[in-house]
Amino acid sequence: MTPAKLAEAVLAAAHAVLEARGLDRSVLPSETSVERPRNPEHGDYASTLALQVAKKVGLPPREFAAALAGELARTPGIKSVEVAGPGFLNIRLDAAAAGQLACIVVQAGREYGRSDALAG
């Protein structure tokens, strides 16, 4: 699973949580990102989406993060999701998803990560 696909899964999970609770989904950003934590013990990736959105829908960040973690954990390729601190999500990929990313990187070679997104 690539970071972009994981970010899409985080956003889809947030949509599902808000919809299930009858809360305003328009507060969600059109895109989000995931980051590699500095400390590998905190998982493969981390997300701050719960911190960004919770107050906009009137929920405590940890409560929204816990609901988001539960929804996201059902996504194929995700081994576990933990809530940390004020509402960070620490995400671990299962072995197959991590291996898939390694294959993508090897196949892309030097082109992996290149983009024209910021070309002017």
Foldseek 3Di string as FASTA:
>chain_A
DDQQVLFVLLLVLLQVLCVVVVFDNVQQDPTFTWAQDPDCVLARTKGCRLVSCQVVRPHQSQVSLVSSQVSSCPDQQWPGWDADDRHMIHTYGDPVNVVVVVVVCVVCDPNPPDDCVPPD
